């Protein structure tokens, strides 16, 4: 007999609509490599515009939608828009192409992957080549590395490669696309962190749909260049000068093989948003997130980060004399691969948590522990 005190799992109510899911798929499938995020940002702003009063984009491509732009107290909800990729670095006389990273691209997953090389003339198809198993047998095998992975675009000379419009500095992205797995997971490349951009846009949609009036200015931010050092967030926080920032990014699901829970924590897809403890996370704002999650029966998990979070939270927290900031993370499997996976319910619950927290924040709210 079941323990009567055991709580029954509440029926999950989906936040994402069919229309918004179609946008999410289109947004994920559109390439948005670090430093070249413009097309993705245009898609995102087009989706967001009906739900905000004003939009803005800075010189490097960080996009912002603003509700109540005249308000003096400013709250940011933020994600980053860029995806990891590669740069063409060297073209051999035989027409093969060597690359370097643009962000934290994983060389171990590259062999046999299909890619798009972005040129001024459009996309050029290519593949990451790798010697066949038959040619490697009997010898010590080399693991994939930046020294031995290469692209083959079907050309037979450097001149033919260049005639296709390919040159040193062209950016390269994987062509893998969005799918739903077992009606439970969203899967695709660049869910880190275009899932975040989608979630903050959905918060804006809910505010509009439910006719909620906020007593402060809300800045929905989709920052560029997070993957190479939080650069987009660093730039935009000095422009907005926010009073408060809630950042969303992904974190590791640690339930699959070869991940050490002792060092990485015990986190799982399907168990709710992850709330972080770190020096950059302001304790009273974090307590508000926890209280709101409990009040609204939103499941959540906890994560500790040593020294820094490694997300745009750090950039906002340590800007403008110190901005109270917090991080809400989406558990994700297989980060920086082409099959990143997030649970549908977790995505809904991150949206719900941000939405409900915004309804609790007061105009001019002071998050200091004491005032002298």
Protein backbone atom coordinates (compact mmCIF):
# COMPACT_ATOMS: atom_id res chain seq x y z
CA UNK A 1 0.00 0.00 0.00
CA UNK A 2 1.33 3.44 -0.89
CA UNK A 3 2.20 5.81 1.91
CA UNK A 4 -0.74 8.19 2.24
CA UNK A 5 1.68 11.02 2.96
CA UNK A 6 3.38 10.54 -0.41
CA UNK A 7 2.53 13.45 -2.66
CA UNK A 8 0.97 12.60 -5.97
CA UNK A 9 2.68 14.16 -8.94
CA UNK A 10 0.55 17.02 -10.17
CA UNK A 11 -0.68 16.96 -13.74
CA UNK A 12 1.65 19.06 -15.84
CA UNK A 13 0.09 21.88 -17.84
CA UNK A 14 2.06 22.80 -20.94
CA UNK A 15 2.99 26.45 -21.38
CA UNK A 16 4.35 26.13 -24.92
CA UNK A 17 1.66 26.41 -27.61
CA UNK A 18 1.66 24.83 -31.07
CA UNK A 19 2.41 28.24 -32.56
CA UNK A 20 5.30 28.95 -30.23
CA UNK A 21 6.70 25.44 -30.79
CA UNK A 22 6.82 26.10 -34.54
CA UNK A 23 8.85 29.24 -33.83
CA UNK A 24 11.13 27.30 -31.49
CA UNK A 25 11.87 24.72 -34.19
CA UNK A 26 12.57 27.41 -36.79
CA UNK A 27 14.73 29.32 -34.33
CA UNK A 28 16.81 26.25 -33.41
CA UNK A 29 17.30 25.23 -37.04
CA UNK A 30 18.57 28.68 -38.03
CA UNK A 31 22.36 28.89 -37.58
CA UNK A 32 23.54 31.58 -35.16
CA UNK A 33 27.29 31.13 -34.63
CA UNK A 34 29.19 33.30 -32.20
CA UNK A 35 29.92 36.65 -33.83
CA UNK A 36 27.42 35.96 -36.64
CA UNK A 37 24.12 35.93 -34.74
CA UNK A 38 22.24 38.48 -36.88
CA UNK A 39 19.78 36.23 -38.70
CA UNK A 40 18.80 34.43 -35.53
CA UNK A 41 18.36 37.73 -33.73
CA UNK A 42 16.08 38.98 -36.49
CA UNK A 43 13.90 35.87 -36.14
CA UNK A 44 13.79 36.26 -32.37
CA UNK A 45 12.85 39.95 -32.46
CA UNK A 46 10.14 39.31 -35.05
CA UNK A 47 8.58 36.77 -32.68
CA UNK A 48 8.96 39.02 -29.63
CA UNK A 49 7.73 42.32 -31.09
CA UNK A 50 3.96 41.78 -30.53
CA UNK A 51 4.60 41.33 -26.81
CA UNK A 52 6.80 44.36 -26.05
CA UNK A 53 6.64 48.14 -26.34
CA UNK A 54 10.05 48.76 -27.85
CA UNK A 55 12.99 46.87 -29.33
CA UNK A 56 16.71 47.59 -29.53
CA UNK A 57 19.78 45.94 -31.02
CA UNK A 58 23.36 46.94 -30.28
CA UNK A 59 26.42 47.14 -32.51
CA UNK A 60 27.37 43.50 -31.98
CA UNK A 61 23.87 42.08 -32.28
CA UNK A 62 22.52 41.71 -28.75
CA UNK A 63 18.74 42.08 -29.08
CA UNK A 64 16.39 43.55 -26.47
CA UNK A 65 12.63 43.80 -26.14
CA UNK A 66 11.38 46.33 -23.59
CA UNK A 67 8.11 46.56 -21.66
CA UNK A 68 7.54 49.92 -19.90
CA UNK A 69 10.65 51.59 -21.36
CA UNK A 70 10.08 54.82 -19.42
CA UNK A 71 10.25 53.16 -15.99
CA UNK A 72 13.28 54.01 -13.85
CA UNK A 73 13.51 50.62 -12.09
CA UNK A 74 14.82 48.11 -14.63
CA UNK A 75 14.62 44.33 -14.48
CA UNK A 76 16.42 42.11 -16.99
CA UNK A 77 15.52 38.55 -17.97
CA UNK A 78 18.28 37.22 -20.19
CA UNK A 79 19.59 34.36 -22.28
CA UNK A 80 22.32 34.10 -24.90
CA UNK A 81 21.78 33.61 -28.61
CA UNK A 82 25.08 32.28 -29.97
CA UNK A 83 26.02 28.71 -30.79
CA UNK A 84 29.42 27.06 -30.92
CA UNK A 85 30.93 26.65 -34.38
CA UNK A 86 34.22 26.49 -36.29
CA UNK A 87 36.37 28.86 -38.35
CA UNK A 88 38.15 27.88 -41.58
CA UNK A 89 41.84 28.24 -40.67
CA UNK A 90 43.92 26.53 -43.37
CA UNK A 91 43.23 25.19 -46.87
CA UNK A 92 45.62 22.56 -48.27
CA UNK A 93 46.75 22.42 -51.89
CA UNK A 94 44.61 19.26 -52.22
CA UNK A 95 41.49 21.20 -51.23
CA UNK A 96 41.02 19.94 -47.67
CA UNK A 97 40.15 22.41 -44.94
CA UNK A 98 41.44 22.61 -41.36
CA UNK A 99 39.53 24.50 -38.70
CA UNK A 100 39.82 26.18 -35.32
CA UNK A 101 37.15 26.58 -32.66
CA UNK A 102 34.67 29.43 -32.45
CA UNK A 103 33.56 28.85 -28.86
CA UNK A 104 33.78 25.49 -27.10
CA UNK A 105 33.30 23.18 -30.07
CA UNK A 106 34.04 19.53 -29.31
CA UNK A 107 36.58 18.00 -31.68
CA UNK A 108 35.67 14.47 -30.57
CA UNK A 109 32.20 14.57 -32.14
CA UNK A 110 33.34 16.09 -35.45
CA UNK A 111 34.34 13.08 -37.61
CA UNK A 112 31.60 12.12 -40.13
CA UNK A 113 29.47 15.19 -39.33
CA UNK A 114 27.83 17.17 -42.15
CA UNK A 115 28.35 20.93 -42.01
CA UNK A 116 27.50 24.20 -43.72
CA UNK A 117 30.32 26.59 -44.56
CA UNK A 118 28.99 30.14 -44.52
CA UNK A 119 30.25 32.21 -47.46
CA UNK A 120 29.28 35.50 -49.09
CA UNK A 121 27.78 33.38 -51.90
CA UNK A 122 25.64 31.29 -49.56
CA UNK A 123 26.09 27.95 -47.82
CA UNK A 124 28.60 25.41 -49.10
CA UNK A 125 28.11 21.81 -47.98
CA UNK A 126 31.01 19.83 -46.54
CA UNK A 127 31.76 16.90 -44.23
CA UNK A 128 34.27 16.23 -41.51
CA UNK A 129 36.27 13.36 -42.99
CA UNK A 130 37.87 10.51 -41.06
CA UNK A 131 39.93 7.50 -42.17
CA UNK A 132 37.96 4.25 -42.45
CA UNK A 133 38.26 1.65 -39.70
CA UNK A 134 39.89 -0.77 -42.21
CA UNK A 135 42.80 1.62 -42.73
CA UNK A 136 43.39 2.05 -38.99
CA UNK A 137 43.44 -1.59 -37.86
CA UNK A 138 46.60 -3.05 -36.41
CA UNK A 139 48.01 0.32 -35.42
CA UNK A 140 47.65 2.64 -32.45
CA UNK A 141 44.65 4.78 -33.27
CA UNK A 142 44.77 8.57 -33.10
CA UNK A 143 41.87 10.23 -31.32
CA UNK A 144 40.18 13.16 -33.08
CA UNK A 145 41.95 16.45 -32.33
CA UNK A 146 42.27 19.91 -33.83
CA UNK A 147 45.47 18.67 -35.50
CA UNK A 148 43.78 15.91 -37.49
CA UNK A 149 40.09 16.75 -38.08
CA UNK A 150 39.44 18.30 -41.48
CA UNK A 151 36.64 19.28 -43.84
CA UNK A 152 36.09 17.87 -47.32
CA UNK A 153 33.83 19.96 -49.56
CA UNK A 154 34.37 17.81 -52.65
CA UNK A 155 37.06 20.07 -54.13
CA UNK A 156 40.39 18.76 -55.42
CA UNK A 157 42.50 21.90 -55.05
CA UNK A 158 42.87 25.03 -52.98
CA UNK A 159 41.84 27.08 -56.02
CA UNK A 160 38.59 25.15 -56.39
CA UNK A 161 37.80 25.69 -52.69
CA UNK A 162 38.35 29.41 -53.11
CA UNK A 163 36.16 29.50 -56.23
CA UNK A 164 33.32 28.21 -54.04
CA UNK A 165 33.69 31.35 -51.94
CA UNK A 166 35.46 29.63 -49.04
CA UNK A 167 38.31 31.53 -47.39
CA UNK A 168 40.12 31.64 -44.08
CA UNK A 169 37.67 33.07 -41.53
CA UNK A 170 34.50 31.53 -42.98
CA UNK A 171 32.36 30.19 -40.15
CA UNK A 172 31.20 26.56 -40.13
CA UNK A 173 28.09 25.12 -38.44
CA UNK A 174 26.61 21.64 -38.17
CA UNK A 175 23.46 21.03 -40.19
CA UNK A 176 21.64 18.83 -37.62
CA UNK A 177 18.09 20.02 -36.92
CA UNK A 178 15.37 20.03 -34.27
CA UNK A 179 13.28 17.01 -33.34
CA UNK A 180 11.03 15.76 -30.54
CA UNK A 181 12.15 12.49 -28.96
CA UNK A 182 9.54 10.11 -27.48
CA UNK A 183 7.16 13.06 -26.93
CA UNK A 184 9.35 13.92 -23.93
CA UNK A 185 12.52 15.68 -25.06
CA UNK A 186 13.34 18.49 -27.44
CA UNK A 187 16.55 17.59 -29.28
CA UNK A 188 18.84 19.64 -31.49
CA UNK A 189 22.03 21.60 -31.78
CA UNK A 190 22.30 24.96 -30.01
CA UNK A 191 19.63 24.34 -27.38
CA UNK A 192 22.53 25.89 -25.43
CA UNK A 193 21.21 28.48 -25.26
CA UNK A 194 18.59 29.31 -27.82
CA UNK A 195 16.25 27.39 -25.55
CA UNK A 196 16.87 30.24 -23.13
CA UNK A 197 16.07 32.87 -25.76
CA UNK A 198 12.85 31.03 -26.50
CA UNK A 199 11.92 30.82 -22.81
CA UNK A 200 12.36 34.52 -22.05
CA UNK A 201 10.34 35.37 -25.17
CA UNK A 202 7.59 33.04 -23.93
CA UNK A 203 7.56 34.92 -20.62
CA UNK A 204 6.84 38.11 -22.55
CA UNK A 205 4.07 36.31 -24.43
CA UNK A 206 2.45 35.16 -21.18
CA UNK A 207 2.57 38.65 -19.70
CA UNK A 208 0.79 40.00 -22.78
CA UNK A 209 -1.68 37.10 -22.96
CA UNK A 210 -2.72 37.50 -19.31
CA UNK A 211 -2.74 41.31 -19.52
CA UNK A 212 -0.28 41.70 -16.65
CA UNK A 213 0.93 45.22 -15.87
CA UNK A 214 4.40 45.38 -14.34
CA UNK A 215 5.39 48.26 -12.04
CA UNK A 216 8.89 48.36 -13.52
CA UNK A 217 10.65 48.28 -16.86
CA UNK A 218 11.25 44.75 -18.15
CA UNK A 219 14.18 44.18 -20.52
CA UNK A 220 14.03 40.84 -22.34
CA UNK A 221 17.62 40.33 -23.50
CA UNK A 222 19.09 37.86 -25.99
CA UNK A 223 22.84 38.42 -25.74
CA UNK A 224 25.54 37.51 -28.24
CA UNK A 225 29.02 36.06 -27.71
CA UNK A 226 28.47 34.23 -24.42
CA UNK A 227 30.37 31.19 -25.67
CA UNK A 228 33.65 33.11 -25.87
CA UNK A 229 33.51 34.93 -22.54
CA UNK A 230 30.13 36.56 -21.77
CA UNK A 231 31.00 39.47 -24.05
CA UNK A 232 27.51 40.37 -25.24
CA UNK A 233 26.18 40.54 -21.68
CA UNK A 234 29.14 42.68 -20.62
CA UNK A 235 28.29 45.20 -23.32
CA UNK A 236 24.52 45.32 -22.89
CA UNK A 237 24.51 45.62 -19.10
CA UNK A 238 26.42 48.88 -19.37
CA UNK A 239 23.83 50.14 -21.85
CA UNK A 240 20.73 49.12 -19.86
CA UNK A 241 22.14 49.75 -16.37
CA UNK A 242 19.65 47.31 -14.77
CA UNK A 243 18.63 47.20 -11.13
CA UNK A 244 18.04 43.46 -11.22
CA UNK A 245 18.89 40.55 -13.55
CA UNK A 246 17.51 37.03 -13.87
CA UNK A 247 19.59 34.96 -16.27
CA UNK A 248 18.67 31.61 -17.78
CA UNK A 249 21.10 29.16 -19.34
CA UNK A 250 21.55 25.39 -19.51
CA UNK A 251 23.33 23.11 -17.07
CA UNK A 252 24.37 19.45 -17.18
CA UNK A 253 22.00 16.58 -16.60
CA UNK A 254 24.34 14.20 -14.75
CA UNK A 255 22.38 10.94 -15.05
CA UNK A 256 24.09 9.53 -18.16
CA UNK A 257 27.32 7.45 -18.21
CA UNK A 258 30.80 8.91 -17.68
CA UNK A 259 29.68 11.90 -15.58
CA UNK A 260 30.89 12.10 -11.97
CA UNK A 261 28.13 13.28 -9.63
CA UNK A 262 30.71 13.93 -6.90
CA UNK A 263 32.16 16.78 -8.96
CA UNK A 264 29.23 17.69 -11.21
CA UNK A 265 26.30 17.35 -8.80
CA UNK A 266 23.15 15.24 -9.02
CA UNK A 267 20.87 16.90 -11.58
CA UNK A 268 18.29 15.36 -13.89
CA UNK A 269 16.16 16.31 -16.85
CA UNK A 270 12.49 16.22 -15.94
CA UNK A 271 13.01 17.23 -12.31
CA UNK A 272 12.57 20.97 -12.78
CA UNK A 273 14.62 24.16 -13.17
CA UNK A 274 17.99 24.34 -11.43
CA UNK A 275 18.67 27.19 -8.98
CA UNK A 276 22.31 28.03 -8.37
CA UNK A 277 24.36 28.97 -5.36
CA UNK A 278 27.43 31.00 -6.26
CA UNK A 279 29.09 34.27 -5.22
CA UNK A 280 27.51 36.08 -8.20
CA UNK A 281 24.02 34.88 -7.23
CA UNK A 282 22.48 37.42 -4.86
CA UNK A 283 21.16 35.51 -1.85
CA UNK A 284 17.92 37.40 -1.30
CA UNK A 285 16.94 37.31 -4.96
CA UNK A 286 17.69 33.59 -4.95
CA UNK A 287 15.47 33.15 -1.89
CA UNK A 288 12.67 34.89 -3.77
CA UNK A 289 13.03 32.39 -6.63
CA UNK A 290 12.85 29.48 -4.18
CA UNK A 291 9.82 30.92 -2.35
CA UNK A 292 7.97 31.52 -5.62
CA UNK A 293 8.75 28.01 -6.86
CA UNK A 294 7.38 26.53 -3.64
CA UNK A 295 4.27 28.74 -3.65
CA UNK A 296 3.42 27.70 -7.22
CA UNK A 297 4.32 24.00 -6.91
CA UNK A 298 7.10 24.37 -9.47
CA UNK A 299 9.65 21.58 -8.97
CA UNK A 300 13.25 22.73 -8.75
CA UNK A 301 16.76 21.44 -8.17
CA UNK A 302 19.83 23.03 -6.59
CA UNK A 303 23.36 23.44 -7.89
CA UNK A 304 26.51 24.90 -6.35
CA UNK A 305 29.11 26.70 -8.48
CA UNK A 306 32.61 27.33 -7.20
CA UNK A 307 33.84 30.92 -7.69
CA UNK A 308 31.76 31.70 -10.80
CA UNK A 309 28.75 30.34 -12.68
CA UNK A 310 30.34 30.50 -16.13
CA UNK A 311 27.17 32.16 -17.43
CA UNK A 312 26.04 35.70 -18.21
CA UNK A 313 24.97 35.92 -14.56
CA UNK A 314 28.59 36.80 -13.74
CA UNK A 315 28.65 39.63 -16.27
CA UNK A 316 25.47 41.24 -14.94
CA UNK A 317 26.29 40.73 -11.25
CA UNK A 318 29.65 42.45 -11.40
CA UNK A 319 28.61 45.39 -13.57
CA UNK A 320 27.48 48.92 -12.74
CA UNK A 321 28.61 48.78 -9.13
CA UNK A 322 26.90 45.42 -8.56
CA UNK A 323 23.52 44.26 -9.90
CA UNK A 324 21.51 41.71 -7.85
CA UNK A 325 21.47 38.71 -10.16
CA UNK A 326 20.26 35.11 -10.12
CA UNK A 327 20.52 32.11 -12.41
CA UNK A 328 17.76 29.70 -13.44
CA UNK A 329 19.21 26.79 -15.40
CA UNK A 330 17.59 24.28 -17.73
CA UNK A 331 18.95 20.73 -17.30
CA UNK A 332 20.40 19.48 -20.58
CA UNK A 333 21.99 16.27 -21.80
CA UNK A 334 24.99 16.10 -24.18
CA UNK A 335 26.02 19.77 -24.07
CA UNK A 336 28.01 21.09 -27.04
CA UNK A 337 26.97 18.21 -29.27
CA UNK A 338 24.44 18.18 -32.11
CA UNK A 339 21.96 16.16 -30.02
CA UNK A 340 21.49 18.38 -26.99
CA UNK A 341 18.36 17.27 -25.11
CA UNK A 342 16.01 19.11 -22.75
CA UNK A 343 12.83 17.84 -21.12
CA UNK A 344 9.62 19.50 -22.30
CA UNK A 345 8.31 19.92 -18.75
CA UNK A 346 11.53 21.56 -17.56
CA UNK A 347 11.27 24.12 -20.33
CA UNK A 348 7.67 24.88 -19.36
CA UNK A 349 8.63 25.19 -15.70
CA UNK A 350 11.50 27.60 -16.31
CA UNK A 351 9.05 29.83 -18.20
CA UNK A 352 6.51 29.55 -15.37
CA UNK A 353 9.08 30.33 -12.68
CA UNK A 354 10.39 33.46 -14.39
CA UNK A 355 6.83 34.63 -15.08
CA UNK A 356 5.68 34.13 -11.49
CA UNK A 357 8.80 35.77 -10.05
CA UNK A 358 8.24 38.87 -12.16
CA UNK A 359 4.74 39.19 -10.72
CA UNK A 360 6.26 39.26 -7.21
CA UNK A 361 8.93 41.90 -7.79
CA UNK A 362 8.03 45.37 -6.57
CA UNK A 363 8.98 48.70 -8.08
CA UNK A 364 12.24 49.84 -6.49
CA UNK A 365 12.63 46.64 -4.48
CA UNK A 366 15.85 46.58 -2.47
CA UNK A 367 17.52 43.19 -2.16
CA UNK A 368 20.19 44.15 0.36
CA UNK A 369 20.25 42.09 3.56
CA UNK A 370 20.40 45.24 5.67
CA UNK A 371 20.65 48.98 5.10
CA UNK A 372 22.95 51.34 7.03
